[in-house]
């Protein structure tokens, strides 16, 4: 019984993470660049270690921009040396 509960918990966590990632993916902005991160951290490997993300994620940021929520995490981690810009919603 306990094994089933652990498996169910993992499924719920994965599902919630996917939903959060989809929502965050809508809030990309180009204000902070991957090159800025490399200058600060030294390498892509250091970026992945500091932020707990994959190399593929960093590579994707080069194309589409760094997600806004991730930029705020970077701003806090760098103590304001790299700054996030707020995302403004487009008027309908």
C-alpha atoms as a PDB file:
ATOM      1  CA  UNK A   1       0.000   0.000   0.000  1.00  0.00           C
ATOM      2  CA  UNK A   2       2.785   2.431   0.883  1.00  0.00           C
ATOM      3  CA  UNK A   3       4.499   1.772  -2.455  1.00  0.00           C
ATOM      4  CA  UNK A   4       1.351   2.797  -4.321  1.00  0.00           C
ATOM      5  CA  UNK A   5       1.100   5.998  -2.335  1.00  0.00           C
ATOM      6  CA  UNK A   6       4.718   6.931  -3.132  1.00  0.00           C
ATOM      7  CA  UNK A   7       4.141   6.242  -6.839  1.00  0.00           C
ATOM      8  CA  UNK A   8       0.953   8.306  -6.812  1.00  0.00           C
ATOM      9  CA  UNK A   9       2.758  11.189  -5.082  1.00  0.00           C
ATOM     10  CA  UNK A  10       5.477  11.173  -7.759  1.00  0.00           C
ATOM     11  CA  UNK A  11       2.868  11.306 -10.523  1.00  0.00           C
ATOM     12  CA  UNK A  12       1.102  14.256  -8.866  1.00  0.00           C
ATOM     13  CA  UNK A  13       4.405  16.149  -8.448  1.00  0.00           C
ATOM     14  CA  UNK A  14       5.372  15.585 -12.096  1.00  0.00           C
ATOM     15  CA  UNK A  15       1.950  16.734 -13.266  1.00  0.00           C
ATOM     16  CA  UNK A  16       2.081  19.884 -11.136  1.00  0.00           C
ATOM     17  CA  UNK A  17       5.583  20.691 -12.386  1.00  0.00           C
ATOM     18  CA  UNK A  18       4.405  20.379 -15.995  1.00  0.00           C
ATOM     19  CA  UNK A  19       1.510  22.771 -15.349  1.00  0.00           C
ATOM     20  CA  UNK A  20       3.804  25.302 -13.668  1.00  0.00           C
ATOM     21  CA  UNK A  21       6.346  25.001 -16.507  1.00  0.00           C
ATOM     22  CA  UNK A  22       3.634  25.623 -19.120  1.00  0.00           C
ATOM     23  CA  UNK A  23       2.443  28.723 -17.274  1.00  0.00           C
ATOM     24  CA  UNK A  24       5.989  30.024 -16.832  1.00  0.00           C
ATOM     25  CA  UNK A  25       6.774  29.360 -20.486  1.00  0.00           C
ATOM     26  CA  UNK A  26       4.249  32.016 -21.462  1.00  0.00           C
ATOM     27  CA  UNK A  27       6.229  34.654 -19.586  1.00  0.00           C
ATOM     28  CA  UNK A  28       9.514  34.727 -21.477  1.00  0.00           C
ATOM     29  CA  UNK A  29      11.354  37.986 -21.785  1.00  0.00           C
ATOM     30  CA  UNK A  30      14.598  38.933 -23.480  1.00  0.00           C
ATOM     31  CA  UNK A  31      15.815  41.429 -20.882  1.00  0.00           C
ATOM     32  CA  UNK A  32      18.362  39.028 -19.359  1.00  0.00           C
ATOM     33  CA  UNK A  33      20.592  37.103 -21.736  1.00  0.00           C
ATOM     34  CA  UNK A  34      22.395  33.774 -21.391  1.00  0.00           C
ATOM     35  CA  UNK A  35      25.666  35.580 -22.209  1.00  0.00           C
ATOM     36  CA  UNK A  36      25.138  37.693 -19.064  1.00  0.00           C
ATOM     37  CA  UNK A  37      24.756  34.489 -17.039  1.00  0.00           C
ATOM     38  CA  UNK A  38      27.928  33.006 -18.528  1.00  0.00           C
ATOM     39  CA  UNK A  39      29.869  36.180 -17.708  1.00  0.00           C
ATOM     40  CA  UNK A  40      28.653  36.008 -14.104  1.00  0.00           C
ATOM     41  CA  UNK A  41      28.813  32.246 -13.442  1.00  0.00           C
ATOM     42  CA  UNK A  42      31.729  31.400 -15.756  1.00  0.00           C
ATOM     43  CA  UNK A  43      30.226  28.544 -17.777  1.00  0.00           C
ATOM     44  CA  UNK A  44      27.026  26.784 -18.760  1.00  0.00           C
ATOM     45  CA  UNK A  45      27.902  23.965 -16.355  1.00  0.00           C
ATOM     46  CA  UNK A  46      28.131  26.462 -13.480  1.00  0.00           C
ATOM     47  CA  UNK A  47      24.741  27.929 -14.482  1.00  0.00           C
ATOM     48  CA  UNK A  48      23.105  24.502 -14.455  1.00  0.00           C
ATOM     49  CA  UNK A  49      24.601  23.702 -11.051  1.00  0.00           C
ATOM     50  CA  UNK A  50      23.598  27.019  -9.482  1.00  0.00           C
ATOM     51  CA  UNK A  51      20.028  26.985 -10.805  1.00  0.00           C
ATOM     52  CA  UNK A  52      19.345  23.261 -10.806  1.00  0.00           C
ATOM     53  CA  UNK A  53      18.361  23.156 -14.478  1.00  0.00           C
ATOM     54  CA  UNK A  54      19.515  21.059 -17.423  1.00  0.00           C
ATOM     55  CA  UNK A  55      21.908  22.132 -20.163  1.00  0.00           C
ATOM     56  CA  UNK A  56      18.997  21.732 -22.573  1.00  0.00           C
ATOM     57  CA  UNK A  57      17.024  24.351 -20.641  1.00  0.00           C
ATOM     58  CA  UNK A  58      19.892  26.848 -20.850  1.00  0.00           C
ATOM     59  CA  UNK A  59      20.212  26.107 -24.562  1.00  0.00           C
ATOM     60  CA  UNK A  60      16.496  26.763 -25.042  1.00  0.00           C
ATOM     61  CA  UNK A  61      16.818  30.110 -23.248  1.00  0.00           C
ATOM     62  CA  UNK A  62      19.212  31.239 -25.992  1.00  0.00           C
ATOM     63  CA  UNK A  63      16.390  30.830 -28.520  1.00  0.00           C
ATOM     64  CA  UNK A  64      13.282  31.932 -26.636  1.00  0.00           C
ATOM     65  CA  UNK A  65      14.628  33.953 -23.723  1.00  0.00           C
ATOM     66  CA  UNK A  66      14.886  33.236 -20.008  1.00  0.00           C
ATOM     67  CA  UNK A  67      11.540  32.695 -18.241  1.00  0.00           C
ATOM     68  CA  UNK A  68      10.512  35.645 -16.071  1.00  0.00           C
ATOM     69  CA  UNK A  69      10.266  33.600 -12.879  1.00  0.00           C
ATOM     70  CA  UNK A  70      13.723  32.154 -13.487  1.00  0.00           C
ATOM     71  CA  UNK A  71      15.061  35.702 -13.972  1.00  0.00           C
ATOM     72  CA  UNK A  72      13.779  36.656 -10.528  1.00  0.00           C
ATOM     73  CA  UNK A  73      15.531  33.599  -9.088  1.00  0.00           C
ATOM     74  CA  UNK A  74      18.756  34.664 -10.825  1.00  0.00           C
ATOM     75  CA  UNK A  75      18.390  38.222  -9.525  1.00  0.00           C
ATOM     76  CA  UNK A  76      18.050  36.923  -5.955  1.00  0.00           C
ATOM     77  CA  UNK A  77      20.934  34.462  -6.399  1.00  0.00           C
ATOM     78  CA  UNK A  78      23.265  37.149  -7.777  1.00  0.00           C
ATOM     79  CA  UNK A  79      22.139  39.664  -5.128  1.00  0.00           C
ATOM     80  CA  UNK A  80      20.946  42.094  -7.802  1.00  0.00           C
ATOM     81  CA  UNK A  81      24.015  42.041 -10.047  1.00  0.00           C
ATOM     82  CA  UNK A  82      21.836  40.573 -12.808  1.00  0.00           C
ATOM     83  CA  UNK A  83      18.402  42.183 -12.875  1.00  0.00           C
ATOM     84  CA  UNK A  84      15.039  40.927 -14.093  1.00  0.00           C
ATOM     85  CA  UNK A  85      12.633  43.221 -15.838  1.00  0.00           C
ATOM     86  CA  UNK A  86       8.936  42.841 -15.064  1.00  0.00           C
ATOM     87  CA  UNK A  87       6.861  41.272 -17.797  1.00  0.00           C
ATOM     88  CA  UNK A  88       4.109  43.555 -19.029  1.00  0.00           C
ATOM     89  CA  UNK A  89       0.944  41.956 -20.296  1.00  0.00           C
ATOM     90  CA  UNK A  90       0.001  42.749 -23.850  1.00  0.00           C
ATOM     91  CA  UNK A  91      -3.245  44.732 -24.211  1.00  0.00           C
ATOM     92  CA  UNK A  92      -6.080  42.784 -25.790  1.00  0.00           C
END
